[in-house]
Amino acid sequence: MTGYVKIHFTFEEDFMGSIKYPDLSPHHKMHTDFREYVQKIHEKDLLHDKINSGEIISYLKDWLKNHILSEDKKIAEFILLRSNS
């Protein structure tokens, strides 16, 4: 997951930069926070610390649903507005 997050977010942020997306900075902050969460889980796993998989699944579901349906949707709306002007 850490590898996928890095690749996906890098691609998405590069794309937002290329279209001059005005909310790139706060969007990047959300990605950074998510990366840090995933990294903490990864570190706990490496240390064989107890991990509450239910909490992780709930967090991931909520974050992904909210991020995609709200924040990523704003990118699509920005693209549509630009293409119609």
N, C-alpha and C. Protein backbone atom coordinates (compact mmCIF):
# COMPACT_ATOMS: atom_id res chain seq x y z
N MET A 1 0.82 -1.19 0.00
CA MET A 1 0.00 0.00 0.00
C MET A 1 0.87 1.26 0.00
N THR A 2 1.97 1.24 0.73
CA THR A 2 2.82 2.43 0.79
C THR A 2 3.35 2.78 -0.61
N GLY A 3 3.71 1.76 -1.37
CA GLY A 3 4.20 1.99 -2.73
C GLY A 3 3.12 2.54 -3.64
N TYR A 4 1.92 1.96 -3.55
CA TYR A 4 0.82 2.42 -4.38
C TYR A 4 0.46 3.87 -4.05
N VAL A 5 0.39 4.19 -2.76
CA VAL A 5 0.04 5.55 -2.34
C VAL A 5 1.04 6.54 -2.91
N LYS A 6 2.31 6.21 -2.82
CA LYS A 6 3.35 7.11 -3.32
C LYS A 6 3.20 7.34 -4.82
N ILE A 7 3.03 6.27 -5.57
CA ILE A 7 2.91 6.38 -7.02
C ILE A 7 1.64 7.13 -7.41
N HIS A 8 0.52 6.75 -6.82
CA HIS A 8 -0.75 7.37 -7.18
C HIS A 8 -0.77 8.86 -6.84
N PHE A 9 -0.38 9.20 -5.62
CA PHE A 9 -0.42 10.60 -5.21
C PHE A 9 0.57 11.45 -6.00
N THR A 10 1.73 10.91 -6.30
CA THR A 10 2.70 11.65 -7.11
C THR A 10 2.13 11.94 -8.49
N PHE A 11 1.52 10.93 -9.10
CA PHE A 11 0.91 11.12 -10.42
C PHE A 11 -0.20 12.17 -10.34
N GLU A 12 -1.07 12.03 -9.33
CA GLU A 12 -2.20 12.95 -9.20
C GLU A 12 -1.72 14.39 -8.97
N GLU A 13 -0.74 14.56 -8.10
CA GLU A 13 -0.24 15.90 -7.80
C GLU A 13 0.49 16.50 -9.01
N ASP A 14 1.23 15.68 -9.74
CA ASP A 14 1.88 16.17 -10.96
C ASP A 14 0.83 16.63 -11.97
N PHE A 15 -0.24 15.85 -12.08
CA PHE A 15 -1.32 16.21 -12.99
C PHE A 15 -1.97 17.53 -12.56
N MET A 16 -2.27 17.66 -11.27
CA MET A 16 -2.88 18.90 -10.78
C MET A 16 -1.96 20.09 -11.05
N GLY A 17 -0.66 19.89 -10.90
CA GLY A 17 0.28 20.97 -11.21
C GLY A 17 0.25 21.33 -12.68
N SER A 18 0.14 20.33 -13.54
CA SER A 18 0.16 20.57 -14.98
C SER A 18 -1.07 21.34 -15.45
N ILE A 19 -2.19 21.20 -14.74
CA ILE A 19 -3.40 21.93 -15.13
C ILE A 19 -3.59 23.19 -14.30
N LYS A 20 -2.58 23.47 -13.46
CA LYS A 20 -2.61 24.64 -12.58
C LYS A 20 -3.84 24.65 -11.67
N TYR A 21 -4.09 23.50 -11.06
CA TYR A 21 -5.22 23.35 -10.14
C TYR A 21 -4.99 24.26 -8.94
N PRO A 22 -5.92 25.17 -8.65
CA PRO A 22 -5.68 26.19 -7.62
C PRO A 22 -5.62 25.65 -6.18
N ASP A 23 -6.21 24.50 -5.92
CA ASP A 23 -6.21 23.95 -4.57
C ASP A 23 -5.20 22.81 -4.40
N LEU A 24 -4.14 22.86 -5.18
CA LEU A 24 -3.12 21.82 -5.11
C LEU A 24 -2.50 21.74 -3.71
N SER A 25 -2.19 22.86 -3.12
CA SER A 25 -1.51 22.85 -1.81
C SER A 25 -2.34 22.16 -0.72
N PRO A 26 -3.62 22.52 -0.52
CA PRO A 26 -4.39 21.81 0.50
C PRO A 26 -4.63 20.34 0.13
N HIS A 27 -4.74 20.06 -1.15
CA HIS A 27 -4.93 18.67 -1.59
C HIS A 27 -3.66 17.86 -1.27
N HIS A 28 -2.52 18.47 -1.53
CA HIS A 28 -1.25 17.82 -1.21
C HIS A 28 -1.15 17.54 0.30
N LYS A 29 -1.61 18.46 1.11
CA LYS A 29 -1.60 18.27 2.57
C LYS A 29 -2.44 17.05 2.96
N MET A 30 -3.60 16.89 2.33
CA MET A 30 -4.43 15.71 2.60
C MET A 30 -3.68 14.43 2.23
N HIS A 31 -3.00 14.46 1.10
CA HIS A 31 -2.21 13.31 0.68
C HIS A 31 -1.09 13.03 1.68
N THR A 32 -0.43 14.08 2.13
CA THR A 32 0.66 13.92 3.10
C THR A 32 0.14 13.30 4.39
N ASP A 33 -0.98 13.78 4.88
CA ASP A 33 -1.57 13.21 6.09
C ASP A 33 -1.89 11.73 5.91
N PHE A 34 -2.43 11.39 4.75
CA PHE A 34 -2.77 9.99 4.47
C PHE A 34 -1.50 9.13 4.39
N ARG A 35 -0.48 9.67 3.69
CA ARG A 35 0.80 8.95 3.60
C ARG A 35 1.36 8.67 5.00
N GLU A 36 1.28 9.66 5.87
CA GLU A 36 1.79 9.49 7.24
C GLU A 36 1.01 8.43 8.00
N TYR A 37 -0.30 8.39 7.81
CA TYR A 37 -1.12 7.37 8.45
C TYR A 37 -0.70 5.98 7.97
N VAL A 38 -0.58 5.83 6.66
CA VAL A 38 -0.19 4.54 6.08
C VAL A 38 1.21 4.15 6.57
N GLN A 39 2.12 5.11 6.65
CA GLN A 39 3.48 4.83 7.12
C GLN A 39 3.47 4.35 8.57
N LYS A 40 2.65 4.98 9.42
CA LYS A 40 2.55 4.55 10.83
C LYS A 40 2.05 3.12 10.93
N ILE A 41 1.07 2.77 10.13
CA ILE A 41 0.55 1.39 10.13
C ILE A 41 1.65 0.44 9.67
N HIS A 42 2.37 0.82 8.65
CA HIS A 42 3.46 -0.01 8.13
C HIS A 42 4.54 -0.22 9.20
N GLU A 43 4.89 0.85 9.89
CA GLU A 43 5.91 0.74 10.95
C GLU A 43 5.43 -0.16 12.09
N LYS A 44 4.16 -0.01 12.47
CA LYS A 44 3.61 -0.88 13.52
C LYS A 44 3.70 -2.35 13.09
N ASP A 45 3.39 -2.60 11.83
CA ASP A 45 3.44 -3.97 11.31
C ASP A 45 4.87 -4.50 11.37
N LEU A 46 5.84 -3.69 10.96
CA LEU A 46 7.23 -4.12 10.99
C LEU A 46 7.71 -4.44 12.41
N LEU A 47 7.18 -3.69 13.37
CA LEU A 47 7.55 -3.90 14.77
C LEU A 47 6.70 -4.98 15.45
N HIS A 48 5.79 -5.55 14.68
CA HIS A 48 4.87 -6.57 15.19
C HIS A 48 3.99 -6.04 16.32
N ASP A 49 3.70 -4.73 16.28
CA ASP A 49 2.78 -4.13 17.23
C ASP A 49 1.36 -4.55 16.86
N LYS A 50 0.50 -4.53 17.86
CA LYS A 50 -0.89 -4.87 17.63
C LYS A 50 -1.54 -3.83 16.72
N ILE A 51 -2.24 -4.30 15.71
CA ILE A 51 -2.92 -3.43 14.77
C ILE A 51 -4.39 -3.80 14.79
N ASN A 52 -5.24 -2.78 14.93
CA ASN A 52 -6.68 -3.00 14.91
C ASN A 52 -7.15 -2.89 13.47
N SER A 53 -7.31 -4.03 12.81
CA SER A 53 -7.65 -4.02 11.39
C SER A 53 -9.01 -3.40 11.14
N GLY A 54 -9.95 -3.55 12.08
CA GLY A 54 -11.26 -2.93 11.90
C GLY A 54 -11.18 -1.42 11.84
N GLU A 55 -10.36 -0.84 12.71
CA GLU A 55 -10.17 0.61 12.70
C GLU A 55 -9.51 1.07 11.41
N ILE A 56 -8.53 0.29 10.96
CA ILE A 56 -7.82 0.65 9.73
C ILE A 56 -8.78 0.61 8.54
N ILE A 57 -9.55 -0.45 8.44
CA ILE A 57 -10.50 -0.59 7.33
C ILE A 57 -11.52 0.54 7.36
N SER A 58 -12.02 0.86 8.52
CA SER A 58 -13.00 1.94 8.66
C SER A 58 -12.38 3.28 8.23
N TYR A 59 -11.16 3.55 8.71
CA TYR A 59 -10.47 4.79 8.35
C TYR A 59 -10.26 4.86 6.83
N LEU A 60 -9.76 3.78 6.26
CA LEU A 60 -9.49 3.77 4.82
C LEU A 60 -10.76 3.95 4.02
N LYS A 61 -11.81 3.26 4.39
CA LYS A 61 -13.09 3.38 3.69
C LYS A 61 -13.59 4.82 3.73
N ASP A 62 -13.60 5.40 4.92
CA ASP A 62 -14.09 6.78 5.06
C ASP A 62 -13.21 7.76 4.30
N TRP A 63 -11.90 7.61 4.44
CA TRP A 63 -11.00 8.55 3.79
C TRP A 63 -11.12 8.47 2.28
N LEU A 64 -11.09 7.25 1.76
CA LEU A 64 -11.15 7.10 0.31
C LEU A 64 -12.48 7.58 -0.25
N LYS A 65 -13.57 7.20 0.40
CA LYS A 65 -14.89 7.63 -0.06
C LYS A 65 -14.99 9.15 -0.04
N ASN A 66 -14.64 9.75 1.07
CA ASN A 66 -14.75 11.20 1.19
C ASN A 66 -13.78 11.92 0.27
N HIS A 67 -12.57 11.41 0.17
CA HIS A 67 -11.57 12.07 -0.67
C HIS A 67 -11.97 12.00 -2.14
N ILE A 68 -12.35 10.85 -2.59
CA ILE A 68 -12.70 10.69 -4.00
C ILE A 68 -13.98 11.45 -4.34
N LEU A 69 -15.01 11.28 -3.51
CA LEU A 69 -16.30 11.89 -3.83
C LEU A 69 -16.34 13.40 -3.58
N SER A 70 -15.42 13.90 -2.80
CA SER A 70 -15.42 15.33 -2.52
C SER A 70 -14.22 16.02 -3.16
N GLU A 71 -13.03 15.69 -2.69
CA GLU A 71 -11.84 16.41 -3.13
C GLU A 71 -11.45 16.11 -4.57
N ASP A 72 -11.43 14.85 -4.95
CA ASP A 72 -11.06 14.52 -6.33
C ASP A 72 -12.13 15.00 -7.31
N LYS A 73 -13.37 15.01 -6.87
CA LYS A 73 -14.45 15.51 -7.71
C LYS A 73 -14.24 16.99 -8.05
N LYS A 74 -13.66 17.74 -7.12
CA LYS A 74 -13.37 19.15 -7.36
C LYS A 74 -12.38 19.32 -8.52
N ILE A 75 -11.46 18.38 -8.65
CA ILE A 75 -10.50 18.44 -9.76
C ILE A 75 -11.25 18.27 -11.08
N ALA A 76 -12.15 17.29 -11.12
CA ALA A 76 -12.94 17.06 -12.34
C ALA A 76 -13.78 18.29 -12.68
N GLU A 77 -14.37 18.91 -11.66
CA GLU A 77 -15.18 20.11 -11.89
C GLU A 77 -14.31 21.25 -12.44
N PHE A 78 -13.10 21.38 -11.90
CA PHE A 78 -12.17 22.41 -12.38
C PHE A 78 -11.84 22.18 -13.85
N ILE A 79 -11.59 20.94 -14.21
CA ILE A 79 -11.27 20.60 -15.61
C ILE A 79 -12.45 20.94 -16.51
N LEU A 80 -13.66 20.58 -16.10
CA LEU A 80 -14.84 20.86 -16.89
C LEU A 80 -15.05 22.37 -17.08
N LEU A 81 -14.86 23.12 -15.99
CA LEU A 81 -15.00 24.58 -16.09
C LEU A 81 -13.99 25.17 -17.07
N ARG A 82 -12.76 24.69 -17.01
CA ARG A 82 -11.72 25.20 -17.92
C ARG A 82 -12.04 24.85 -19.36
N SER A 83 -12.53 23.65 -19.58
CA SER A 83 -12.80 23.23 -20.97
C SER A 83 -14.02 23.93 -21.55
N ASN A 84 -14.90 24.44 -20.69
CA ASN A 84 -16.09 25.15 -21.17
C ASN A 84 -15.87 26.65 -21.30
N SER A 85 -14.70 27.14 -20.91
CA SER A 85 -14.48 28.59 -21.01
C SER A 85 -13.62 28.95 -22.17
